[in-house]
Amino acid sequence: MIIRKLFKYEMSHRVVNAYTKRCSQNIHGHSYKLELLFIGNTPDQAQMVLDFGFVKKYFHPFVDAFDHAHMVWDCKERAGEVDYITKTNARWITAPFSSTAEMQAKMFFTYGRAALAQLKKEGTVNTGAEMFSAIVHETDTGYAQYKMCDEGVCQFPKVDLSSINFSTGITEEWAPEFKAFYNTLLS
């Protein structure tokens, strides 16, 4: 059985080395849609794969961090851009990978898998539910999907959650409970 939760966020970025100059040379934004899909064949006490309330509580704050934010690829070649963005904006995210839909899908999958594992460890989730996939719709006609079967096969860069930096303009909006949960994932 698969369940799906849809999230939306508005985010800007610049896709360095993209084929089109509009994307590679200009900051621009998208109205993203993120689909998180969970799979499980063992129901919980309410006969659910995973309670949508848990999904909202533990996944929405992470996704919401990207809403009305600018994501920038933090690498030596982009130091000037990173410096400018972080000094002139309140909501920004830096990561050691490009902000393409492909890498966002892998990032959200990585977060989802880690969050679900932590929730199971704490006993908050007591089913066999697993992260099945993350689909990032960058436009109405294009999306990227990262699935559990891509793990260990996909040659895209590794996503390490601890290497993603959120501005204080973002983290100050996190509820203390979510901030503690997220910090647990990083330790």
N, C-alpha and C. Protein backbone atom coordinates (compact mmCIF):
# COMPACT_ATOMS: atom_id res chain seq x y z
N MET A 1 0.86 -1.17 0.00
CA MET A 1 0.00 0.00 0.00
C MET A 1 0.90 1.23 0.00
N ILE A 2 0.54 2.22 -0.80
CA ILE A 2 1.28 3.48 -0.86
C ILE A 2 0.35 4.61 -0.47
N ILE A 3 0.86 5.51 0.37
CA ILE A 3 0.14 6.74 0.67
C ILE A 3 0.99 7.92 0.20
N ARG A 4 0.32 9.03 -0.07
CA ARG A 4 1.00 10.21 -0.62
C ARG A 4 0.57 11.44 0.14
N LYS A 5 1.53 12.32 0.41
CA LYS A 5 1.25 13.62 1.01
C LYS A 5 1.86 14.69 0.10
N LEU A 6 1.05 15.68 -0.24
CA LEU A 6 1.48 16.76 -1.14
C LEU A 6 1.79 18.00 -0.33
N PHE A 7 2.92 18.62 -0.64
CA PHE A 7 3.33 19.89 -0.04
C PHE A 7 3.61 20.87 -1.17
N LYS A 8 3.52 22.16 -0.85
CA LYS A 8 3.83 23.20 -1.84
C LYS A 8 4.78 24.21 -1.21
N TYR A 9 5.69 24.74 -2.03
CA TYR A 9 6.60 25.79 -1.57
C TYR A 9 7.05 26.62 -2.77
N GLU A 10 7.34 27.87 -2.50
CA GLU A 10 7.83 28.81 -3.51
C GLU A 10 9.29 29.06 -3.18
N MET A 11 10.18 28.79 -4.13
CA MET A 11 11.61 28.94 -3.84
C MET A 11 12.35 29.49 -5.05
N SER A 12 13.38 30.27 -4.78
CA SER A 12 14.22 30.76 -5.87
C SER A 12 15.57 30.07 -5.82
N HIS A 13 16.22 30.07 -6.97
CA HIS A 13 17.55 29.49 -7.09
C HIS A 13 18.18 29.95 -8.40
N ARG A 14 19.40 29.52 -8.63
CA ARG A 14 20.09 29.69 -9.92
C ARG A 14 20.76 28.36 -10.19
N VAL A 15 20.52 27.80 -11.34
CA VAL A 15 21.07 26.48 -11.65
C VAL A 15 22.35 26.66 -12.46
N VAL A 16 23.45 26.67 -11.75
CA VAL A 16 24.76 26.85 -12.36
C VAL A 16 25.01 25.75 -13.38
N ASN A 17 25.53 26.13 -14.54
CA ASN A 17 25.87 25.21 -15.64
C ASN A 17 24.66 24.59 -16.33
N ALA A 18 23.48 25.14 -16.12
CA ALA A 18 22.29 24.62 -16.82
C ALA A 18 22.41 24.90 -18.31
N TYR A 19 21.69 24.15 -19.10
CA TYR A 19 21.70 24.30 -20.56
C TYR A 19 21.21 25.68 -20.99
N THR A 20 20.14 26.14 -20.37
CA THR A 20 19.59 27.44 -20.76
C THR A 20 20.20 28.57 -19.96
N LYS A 21 20.50 29.66 -20.64
CA LYS A 21 21.09 30.83 -19.98
C LYS A 21 20.11 31.44 -18.98
N ARG A 22 18.82 31.39 -19.28
CA ARG A 22 17.84 31.93 -18.34
C ARG A 22 17.97 31.28 -16.97
N CYS A 23 18.23 29.99 -16.95
CA CYS A 23 18.34 29.27 -15.68
C CYS A 23 19.73 29.39 -15.06
N SER A 24 20.76 29.37 -15.90
CA SER A 24 22.12 29.35 -15.37
C SER A 24 22.65 30.73 -15.00
N GLN A 25 22.15 31.76 -15.65
CA GLN A 25 22.70 33.10 -15.41
C GLN A 25 21.78 34.01 -14.61
N ASN A 26 20.62 33.52 -14.23
CA ASN A 26 19.66 34.37 -13.54
C ASN A 26 19.03 33.67 -12.34
N ILE A 27 18.87 34.44 -11.27
CA ILE A 27 18.08 33.97 -10.15
C ILE A 27 16.63 33.96 -10.61
N HIS A 28 15.96 32.89 -10.36
CA HIS A 28 14.56 32.75 -10.75
C HIS A 28 13.87 31.83 -9.75
N GLY A 29 12.57 31.75 -9.81
CA GLY A 29 11.84 30.95 -8.85
C GLY A 29 10.82 30.03 -9.48
N HIS A 30 10.33 29.13 -8.67
CA HIS A 30 9.32 28.16 -9.09
C HIS A 30 8.28 27.99 -8.00
N SER A 31 7.11 27.59 -8.41
CA SER A 31 6.06 27.16 -7.49
C SER A 31 6.14 25.64 -7.45
N TYR A 32 6.89 25.14 -6.50
CA TYR A 32 7.16 23.71 -6.40
C TYR A 32 6.00 22.97 -5.76
N LYS A 33 5.86 21.73 -6.17
CA LYS A 33 4.99 20.77 -5.49
C LYS A 33 5.86 19.58 -5.15
N LEU A 34 5.74 19.14 -3.92
CA LEU A 34 6.50 17.99 -3.45
C LEU A 34 5.53 16.90 -3.04
N GLU A 35 5.72 15.72 -3.60
CA GLU A 35 4.94 14.55 -3.21
C GLU A 35 5.85 13.61 -2.44
N LEU A 36 5.46 13.29 -1.22
CA LEU A 36 6.17 12.29 -0.45
C LEU A 36 5.30 11.04 -0.43
N LEU A 37 5.87 9.93 -0.84
CA LEU A 37 5.15 8.67 -0.89
C LEU A 37 5.76 7.69 0.09
N PHE A 38 4.90 7.05 0.87
CA PHE A 38 5.31 6.09 1.88
C PHE A 38 4.67 4.75 1.53
N ILE A 39 5.41 3.68 1.76
CA ILE A 39 4.92 2.34 1.44
C ILE A 39 4.90 1.50 2.71
N GLY A 40 3.91 0.64 2.80
CA GLY A 40 3.84 -0.27 3.94
C GLY A 40 2.73 -1.27 3.77
N ASN A 41 2.96 -2.46 4.26
CA ASN A 41 1.95 -3.51 4.18
C ASN A 41 1.49 -3.97 5.56
N THR A 42 2.03 -3.34 6.60
CA THR A 42 1.63 -3.66 7.97
C THR A 42 0.94 -2.44 8.55
N PRO A 43 -0.34 -2.51 8.79
CA PRO A 43 -1.05 -1.33 9.30
C PRO A 43 -0.76 -1.06 10.77
N ASP A 44 -0.95 0.19 11.16
CA ASP A 44 -0.86 0.53 12.58
C ASP A 44 -2.19 0.19 13.26
N GLN A 45 -2.34 0.60 14.51
CA GLN A 45 -3.54 0.28 15.29
C GLN A 45 -4.80 0.90 14.69
N ALA A 46 -4.66 1.93 13.86
CA ALA A 46 -5.82 2.55 13.21
C ALA A 46 -6.00 2.04 11.77
N GLN A 47 -5.21 1.05 11.39
CA GLN A 47 -5.22 0.46 10.06
C GLN A 47 -4.75 1.46 9.00
N MET A 48 -3.68 2.18 9.32
CA MET A 48 -3.05 3.11 8.39
C MET A 48 -1.61 2.69 8.13
N VAL A 49 -1.10 3.08 6.96
CA VAL A 49 0.32 2.91 6.66
C VAL A 49 1.12 3.84 7.55
N LEU A 50 0.69 5.09 7.58
CA LEU A 50 1.33 6.13 8.38
C LEU A 50 0.32 7.25 8.55
N ASP A 51 0.12 7.67 9.75
CA ASP A 51 -0.86 8.71 10.03
C ASP A 51 -0.44 10.02 9.36
N PHE A 52 -1.34 10.62 8.59
CA PHE A 52 -1.03 11.89 7.92
C PHE A 52 -0.69 12.99 8.93
N GLY A 53 -1.20 12.87 10.14
CA GLY A 53 -0.86 13.83 11.19
C GLY A 53 0.62 13.80 11.53
N PHE A 54 1.22 12.59 11.58
CA PHE A 54 2.66 12.48 11.80
C PHE A 54 3.43 13.10 10.64
N VAL A 55 2.96 12.81 9.44
CA VAL A 55 3.65 13.33 8.26
C VAL A 55 3.66 14.86 8.31
N LYS A 56 2.51 15.44 8.60
CA LYS A 56 2.43 16.91 8.66
C LYS A 56 3.32 17.46 9.77
N LYS A 57 3.27 16.85 10.94
CA LYS A 57 4.01 17.36 12.09
C LYS A 57 5.52 17.29 11.90
N TYR A 58 6.02 16.22 11.32
CA TYR A 58 7.46 16.01 11.24
C TYR A 58 8.07 16.31 9.87
N PHE A 59 7.26 16.43 8.84
CA PHE A 59 7.79 16.68 7.50
C PHE A 59 7.50 18.10 7.02
N HIS A 60 6.33 18.64 7.39
CA HIS A 60 5.97 19.99 6.92
C HIS A 60 6.96 21.06 7.35
N PRO A 61 7.46 21.09 8.60
CA PRO A 61 8.40 22.15 8.96
C PRO A 61 9.67 22.14 8.11
N PHE A 62 10.15 20.95 7.76
CA PHE A 62 11.34 20.86 6.91
C PHE A 62 11.04 21.41 5.52
N VAL A 63 9.93 20.99 4.94
CA VAL A 63 9.55 21.47 3.60
C VAL A 63 9.28 22.97 3.63
N ASP A 64 8.60 23.44 4.67
CA ASP A 64 8.26 24.85 4.79
C ASP A 64 9.50 25.74 4.88
N ALA A 65 10.62 25.18 5.32
CA ALA A 65 11.87 25.94 5.38
C ALA A 65 12.27 26.47 4.00
N PHE A 66 11.84 25.79 2.95
CA PHE A 66 12.21 26.17 1.59
C PHE A 66 11.24 27.19 0.98
N ASP A 67 10.11 27.42 1.66
CA ASP A 67 9.11 28.35 1.13
C ASP A 67 9.59 29.79 1.26
N HIS A 68 9.52 30.51 0.17
CA HIS A 68 9.96 31.90 0.10
C HIS A 68 11.40 32.05 0.58
N ALA A 69 12.22 31.09 0.18
CA ALA A 69 13.64 31.11 0.50
C ALA A 69 14.43 31.03 -0.81
N HIS A 70 15.71 31.32 -0.70
CA HIS A 70 16.61 31.16 -1.84
C HIS A 70 17.60 30.07 -1.50
N MET A 71 17.73 29.08 -2.38
CA MET A 71 18.67 27.99 -2.17
C MET A 71 19.86 28.20 -3.08
N VAL A 72 21.05 28.09 -2.50
CA VAL A 72 22.26 28.36 -3.27
C VAL A 72 23.28 27.23 -3.06
N TRP A 73 23.96 26.89 -4.13
CA TRP A 73 24.98 25.85 -4.14
C TRP A 73 26.23 26.42 -3.48
N ASP A 74 26.59 25.91 -2.34
CA ASP A 74 27.73 26.41 -1.57
C ASP A 74 28.99 25.65 -1.97
N CYS A 75 29.74 26.25 -2.88
CA CYS A 75 31.02 25.68 -3.29
C CYS A 75 32.01 26.83 -3.50
N LYS A 76 33.27 26.50 -3.56
CA LYS A 76 34.31 27.52 -3.65
C LYS A 76 34.09 28.45 -4.84
N GLU A 77 33.66 27.91 -5.95
CA GLU A 77 33.44 28.71 -7.16
C GLU A 77 32.29 29.70 -7.01
N ARG A 78 31.41 29.49 -6.05
CA ARG A 78 30.23 30.34 -5.87
C ARG A 78 30.31 31.17 -4.58
N ALA A 79 31.49 31.29 -4.01
CA ALA A 79 31.66 31.99 -2.72
C ALA A 79 31.08 33.40 -2.74
N GLY A 80 31.27 34.13 -3.81
CA GLY A 80 30.74 35.50 -3.90
C GLY A 80 29.23 35.52 -3.88
N GLU A 81 28.61 34.61 -4.61
CA GLU A 81 27.15 34.52 -4.65
C GLU A 81 26.60 34.11 -3.28
N VAL A 82 27.24 33.13 -2.65
CA VAL A 82 26.81 32.69 -1.32
C VAL A 82 26.90 33.85 -0.34
N ASP A 83 28.00 34.57 -0.39
CA ASP A 83 28.19 35.71 0.51
C ASP A 83 27.11 36.76 0.29
N TYR A 84 26.84 37.08 -0.97
CA TYR A 84 25.82 38.09 -1.28
C TYR A 84 24.43 37.65 -0.80
N ILE A 85 24.05 36.43 -1.11
CA ILE A 85 22.72 35.93 -0.75
C ILE A 85 22.55 35.89 0.77
N THR A 86 23.55 35.39 1.47
CA THR A 86 23.42 35.25 2.92
C THR A 86 23.45 36.59 3.65
N LYS A 87 24.03 37.60 3.03
CA LYS A 87 24.08 38.93 3.67
C LYS A 87 22.87 39.79 3.34
N THR A 88 22.19 39.50 2.24
CA THR A 88 21.11 40.39 1.80
C THR A 88 19.72 39.76 1.90
N ASN A 89 19.62 38.57 2.42
CA ASN A 89 18.33 37.88 2.51
C ASN A 89 18.16 37.26 3.89
N ALA A 90 16.92 37.22 4.35
CA ALA A 90 16.62 36.63 5.66
C ALA A 90 16.38 35.12 5.55
N ARG A 91 15.85 34.67 4.42
CA ARG A 91 15.51 33.25 4.26
C ARG A 91 16.37 32.66 3.14
N TRP A 92 17.37 31.90 3.53
CA TRP A 92 18.25 31.26 2.57
C TRP A 92 18.68 29.89 3.08
N ILE A 93 19.05 29.05 2.12
CA ILE A 93 19.55 27.71 2.41
C ILE A 93 20.81 27.54 1.57
N THR A 94 21.89 27.08 2.17
CA THR A 94 23.07 26.72 1.40
C THR A 94 23.25 25.21 1.49
N ALA A 95 23.72 24.62 0.42
CA ALA A 95 23.95 23.18 0.37
C ALA A 95 25.13 22.91 -0.55
N PRO A 96 25.87 21.83 -0.33
CA PRO A 96 27.02 21.52 -1.17
C PRO A 96 26.63 20.78 -2.46
N PHE A 97 25.43 21.04 -2.95
CA PHE A 97 24.96 20.45 -4.19
C PHE A 97 24.03 21.44 -4.87
N SER A 98 23.81 21.24 -6.14
CA SER A 98 22.95 22.11 -6.93
C SER A 98 21.50 21.99 -6.47
N SER A 99 20.74 23.04 -6.67
CA SER A 99 19.34 23.07 -6.24
C SER A 99 18.38 22.59 -7.33
N THR A 100 18.85 21.72 -8.19
CA THR A 100 18.00 21.16 -9.23
C THR A 100 16.85 20.36 -8.63
N ALA A 101 15.83 20.12 -9.42
CA ALA A 101 14.71 19.29 -8.96
C ALA A 101 15.21 17.89 -8.59
N GLU A 102 16.19 17.39 -9.35
CA GLU A 102 16.74 16.08 -9.08
C GLU A 102 17.37 16.01 -7.68
N MET A 103 18.20 17.01 -7.37
CA MET A 103 18.87 17.00 -6.07
C MET A 103 17.91 17.31 -4.93
N GLN A 104 16.91 18.14 -5.21
CA GLN A 104 15.90 18.38 -4.18
C GLN A 104 15.14 17.09 -3.87
N ALA A 105 14.80 16.32 -4.92
CA ALA A 105 14.09 15.06 -4.70
C ALA A 105 14.93 14.12 -3.84
N LYS A 106 16.22 14.04 -4.14
CA LYS A 106 17.10 13.19 -3.34
C LYS A 106 17.20 13.71 -1.91
N MET A 107 17.27 15.03 -1.75
CA MET A 107 17.36 15.64 -0.42
C MET A 107 16.10 15.35 0.39
N PHE A 108 14.92 15.57 -0.19
CA PHE A 108 13.68 15.32 0.55
C PHE A 108 13.52 13.84 0.88
N PHE A 109 13.94 12.96 -0.02
CA PHE A 109 13.92 11.52 0.25
C PHE A 109 14.83 11.21 1.43
N THR A 110 16.04 11.76 1.40
CA THR A 110 17.02 11.53 2.47
C THR A 110 16.47 12.00 3.81
N TYR A 111 15.87 13.20 3.82
CA TYR A 111 15.27 13.69 5.06
C TYR A 111 14.14 12.75 5.50
N GLY A 112 13.27 12.37 4.57
CA GLY A 112 12.14 11.52 4.91
C GLY A 112 12.56 10.18 5.47
N ARG A 113 13.57 9.61 4.88
CA ARG A 113 14.05 8.32 5.37
C ARG A 113 14.63 8.44 6.78
N ALA A 114 15.42 9.50 7.00
CA ALA A 114 16.02 9.72 8.32
C ALA A 114 14.94 10.03 9.36
N ALA A 115 13.99 10.87 9.00
CA ALA A 115 12.92 11.24 9.93
C ALA A 115 12.08 10.02 10.30
N LEU A 116 11.74 9.22 9.33
CA LEU A 116 10.93 8.03 9.60
C LEU A 116 11.70 7.05 10.48
N ALA A 117 12.98 6.88 10.24
CA ALA A 117 13.79 5.99 11.07
C ALA A 117 13.83 6.49 12.51
N GLN A 118 13.95 7.80 12.69
CA GLN A 118 13.97 8.37 14.05
C GLN A 118 12.62 8.19 14.74
N LEU A 119 11.54 8.41 14.00
CA LEU A 119 10.21 8.24 14.58
C LEU A 119 9.96 6.79 15.00
N LYS A 120 10.49 5.85 14.25
CA LYS A 120 10.38 4.43 14.62
C LYS A 120 11.22 4.14 15.86
N LYS A 121 12.42 4.70 15.88
CA LYS A 121 13.32 4.49 17.02
C LYS A 121 12.70 5.01 18.31
N GLU A 122 12.02 6.15 18.22
CA GLU A 122 11.37 6.74 19.39
C GLU A 122 10.07 6.03 19.76
N GLY A 123 9.56 5.19 18.86
CA GLY A 123 8.30 4.51 19.10
C GLY A 123 7.08 5.33 18.70
N THR A 124 7.30 6.48 18.06
CA THR A 124 6.20 7.34 17.60
C THR A 124 5.45 6.66 16.45
N VAL A 125 6.20 5.98 15.60
CA VAL A 125 5.62 5.23 14.48
C VAL A 125 5.88 3.76 14.75
N ASN A 126 4.83 2.95 14.69
CA ASN A 126 4.98 1.53 15.00
C ASN A 126 4.53 0.63 13.85
N THR A 127 4.75 1.07 12.64
CA THR A 127 4.41 0.24 11.48
C THR A 127 5.68 -0.05 10.70
N GLY A 128 5.53 -0.84 9.66
CA GLY A 128 6.64 -1.12 8.77
C GLY A 128 6.76 -0.10 7.66
N ALA A 129 6.15 1.06 7.82
CA ALA A 129 6.17 2.09 6.78
C ALA A 129 7.60 2.47 6.43
N GLU A 130 7.82 2.68 5.15
CA GLU A 130 9.12 3.13 4.66
C GLU A 130 8.92 4.28 3.68
N MET A 131 9.97 5.07 3.53
CA MET A 131 9.97 6.15 2.54
C MET A 131 10.06 5.48 1.18
N PHE A 132 9.07 5.71 0.32
CA PHE A 132 9.07 5.09 -1.01
C PHE A 132 9.69 6.01 -2.05
N SER A 133 9.25 7.28 -2.07
CA SER A 133 9.84 8.21 -3.04
C SER A 133 9.49 9.65 -2.69
N ALA A 134 10.26 10.53 -3.29
CA ALA A 134 10.01 11.97 -3.22
C ALA A 134 9.97 12.48 -4.66
N ILE A 135 8.91 13.19 -4.99
CA ILE A 135 8.74 13.75 -6.34
C ILE A 135 8.68 15.26 -6.20
N VAL A 136 9.60 15.94 -6.88
CA VAL A 136 9.63 17.40 -6.87
C VAL A 136 9.18 17.89 -8.24
N HIS A 137 8.00 18.53 -8.25
CA HIS A 137 7.47 19.14 -9.48
C HIS A 137 8.01 20.56 -9.54
N GLU A 138 8.89 20.82 -10.50
CA GLU A 138 9.43 22.16 -10.65
C GLU A 138 8.49 23.03 -11.48
N THR A 139 7.82 22.41 -12.41
CA THR A 139 6.82 23.07 -13.24
C THR A 139 5.62 22.14 -13.38
N ASP A 140 4.60 22.60 -14.07
CA ASP A 140 3.44 21.74 -14.31
C ASP A 140 3.78 20.57 -15.23
N THR A 141 4.84 20.71 -16.03
CA THR A 141 5.15 19.68 -17.01
C THR A 141 6.41 18.88 -16.70
N GLY A 142 7.13 19.24 -15.64
CA GLY A 142 8.37 18.54 -15.36
C GLY A 142 8.58 18.27 -13.89
N TYR A 143 9.04 17.06 -13.59
CA TYR A 143 9.35 16.71 -12.21
C TYR A 143 10.52 15.76 -12.16
N ALA A 144 11.11 15.63 -10.97
CA ALA A 144 12.15 14.65 -10.71
C ALA A 144 11.67 13.76 -9.57
N GLN A 145 11.97 12.49 -9.67
CA GLN A 145 11.55 11.53 -8.65
C GLN A 145 12.75 10.72 -8.18
N TYR A 146 12.91 10.64 -6.87
CA TYR A 146 13.93 9.78 -6.28
C TYR A 146 13.20 8.71 -5.48
N LYS A 147 13.50 7.43 -5.79
CA LYS A 147 12.79 6.31 -5.17
C LYS A 147 13.73 5.45 -4.34
N MET A 148 13.15 4.64 -3.49
CA MET A 148 13.94 3.78 -2.64
C MET A 148 14.84 2.85 -3.46
N CYS A 149 14.42 2.47 -4.65
CA CYS A 149 15.26 1.59 -5.48
C CYS A 149 16.45 2.33 -6.08
N ASP A 150 16.47 3.67 -5.97
CA ASP A 150 17.61 4.45 -6.46
C ASP A 150 18.77 4.44 -5.46
N GLU A 151 18.48 4.11 -4.21
CA GLU A 151 19.51 4.07 -3.17
C GLU A 151 20.61 3.08 -3.57
N GLY A 152 21.85 3.52 -3.49
CA GLY A 152 22.98 2.66 -3.81
C GLY A 152 23.26 2.53 -5.30
N VAL A 153 22.36 3.00 -6.15
CA VAL A 153 22.53 2.90 -7.59
C VAL A 153 22.73 4.29 -8.21
N CYS A 154 22.01 5.25 -7.68
CA CYS A 154 22.02 6.61 -8.19
C CYS A 154 23.42 7.23 -8.01
N GLN A 155 23.94 7.81 -9.08
CA GLN A 155 25.29 8.37 -9.03
C GLN A 155 25.28 9.88 -8.79
N PHE A 156 24.13 10.43 -8.43
CA PHE A 156 24.07 11.85 -8.09
C PHE A 156 24.80 12.06 -6.76
N PRO A 157 25.25 13.28 -6.47
CA PRO A 157 25.99 13.52 -5.23
C PRO A 157 25.23 13.08 -3.99
N LYS A 158 26.00 12.68 -2.98
CA LYS A 158 25.44 12.28 -1.69
C LYS A 158 24.78 13.50 -1.04
N VAL A 159 23.71 13.26 -0.33
CA VAL A 159 23.05 14.31 0.44
C VAL A 159 23.30 14.01 1.92
N ASP A 160 24.01 14.93 2.57
CA ASP A 160 24.27 14.84 4.00
C ASP A 160 23.48 15.97 4.64
N LEU A 161 22.47 15.62 5.42
CA LEU A 161 21.61 16.65 6.01
C LEU A 161 22.39 17.66 6.85
N SER A 162 23.46 17.23 7.48
CA SER A 162 24.22 18.14 8.33
C SER A 162 24.99 19.18 7.52
N SER A 163 25.10 18.99 6.22
CA SER A 163 25.82 19.97 5.37
C SER A 163 24.87 21.01 4.76
N ILE A 164 23.58 20.89 5.05
CA ILE A 164 22.60 21.87 4.58
C ILE A 164 22.45 22.91 5.67
N ASN A 165 22.65 24.17 5.32
CA ASN A 165 22.58 25.25 6.30
C ASN A 165 21.35 26.10 6.06
N PHE A 166 20.60 26.32 7.13
CA PHE A 166 19.41 27.16 7.08
C PHE A 166 19.69 28.47 7.81
N SER A 167 19.23 29.57 7.25
CA SER A 167 19.41 30.87 7.89
C SER A 167 18.63 30.91 9.20
N THR A 168 19.04 31.83 10.07
CA THR A 168 18.29 31.99 11.32
C THR A 168 16.89 32.51 11.04
N GLY A 169 16.71 33.19 9.90
CA GLY A 169 15.37 33.62 9.50
C GLY A 169 14.43 32.44 9.30
N ILE A 170 14.99 31.30 8.99
CA ILE A 170 14.20 30.07 8.83
C ILE A 170 14.11 29.32 10.16
N THR A 171 15.24 29.07 10.79
CA THR A 171 15.23 28.23 12.00
C THR A 171 14.52 28.89 13.18
N GLU A 172 14.47 30.22 13.20
CA GLU A 172 13.73 30.89 14.27
C GLU A 172 12.22 30.64 14.17
N GLU A 173 11.75 30.26 13.00
CA GLU A 173 10.33 29.96 12.81
C GLU A 173 9.99 28.53 13.22
N TRP A 174 10.99 27.68 13.37
CA TRP A 174 10.74 26.29 13.75
C TRP A 174 10.27 26.22 15.20
N ALA A 175 9.26 25.43 15.44
CA ALA A 175 8.81 25.18 16.81
C ALA A 175 9.93 24.47 17.56
N PRO A 176 10.06 24.72 18.85
CA PRO A 176 11.13 24.08 19.63
C PRO A 176 11.14 22.55 19.50
N GLU A 177 9.95 21.95 19.45
CA GLU A 177 9.87 20.49 19.32
C GLU A 177 10.46 20.01 17.99
N PHE A 178 10.16 20.75 16.90
CA PHE A 178 10.73 20.34 15.61
C PHE A 178 12.23 20.60 15.58
N LYS A 179 12.67 21.72 16.12
CA LYS A 179 14.10 22.03 16.15
C LYS A 179 14.87 20.93 16.87
N ALA A 180 14.33 20.45 18.00
CA ALA A 180 14.97 19.37 18.74
C ALA A 180 14.97 18.08 17.92
N PHE A 181 13.84 17.80 17.25
CA PHE A 181 13.75 16.60 16.41
C PHE A 181 14.78 16.66 15.28
N TYR A 182 14.87 17.80 14.60
CA TYR A 182 15.82 17.96 13.49
C TYR A 182 17.26 17.81 13.98
N ASN A 183 17.57 18.41 15.11
CA ASN A 183 18.93 18.29 15.66
C ASN A 183 19.27 16.86 16.02
N THR A 184 18.27 16.09 16.44
CA THR A 184 18.49 14.66 16.71
C THR A 184 18.88 13.93 15.44
N LEU A 185 18.26 14.31 14.31
CA LEU A 185 18.60 13.67 13.04
C LEU A 185 20.03 13.95 12.63
N LEU A 186 20.55 15.12 13.01
CA LEU A 186 21.90 15.50 12.62
C LEU A 186 22.98 14.91 13.50
N SER A 187 22.58 14.41 14.67
CA SER A 187 23.59 13.88 15.60
C SER A 187 23.88 12.41 15.37
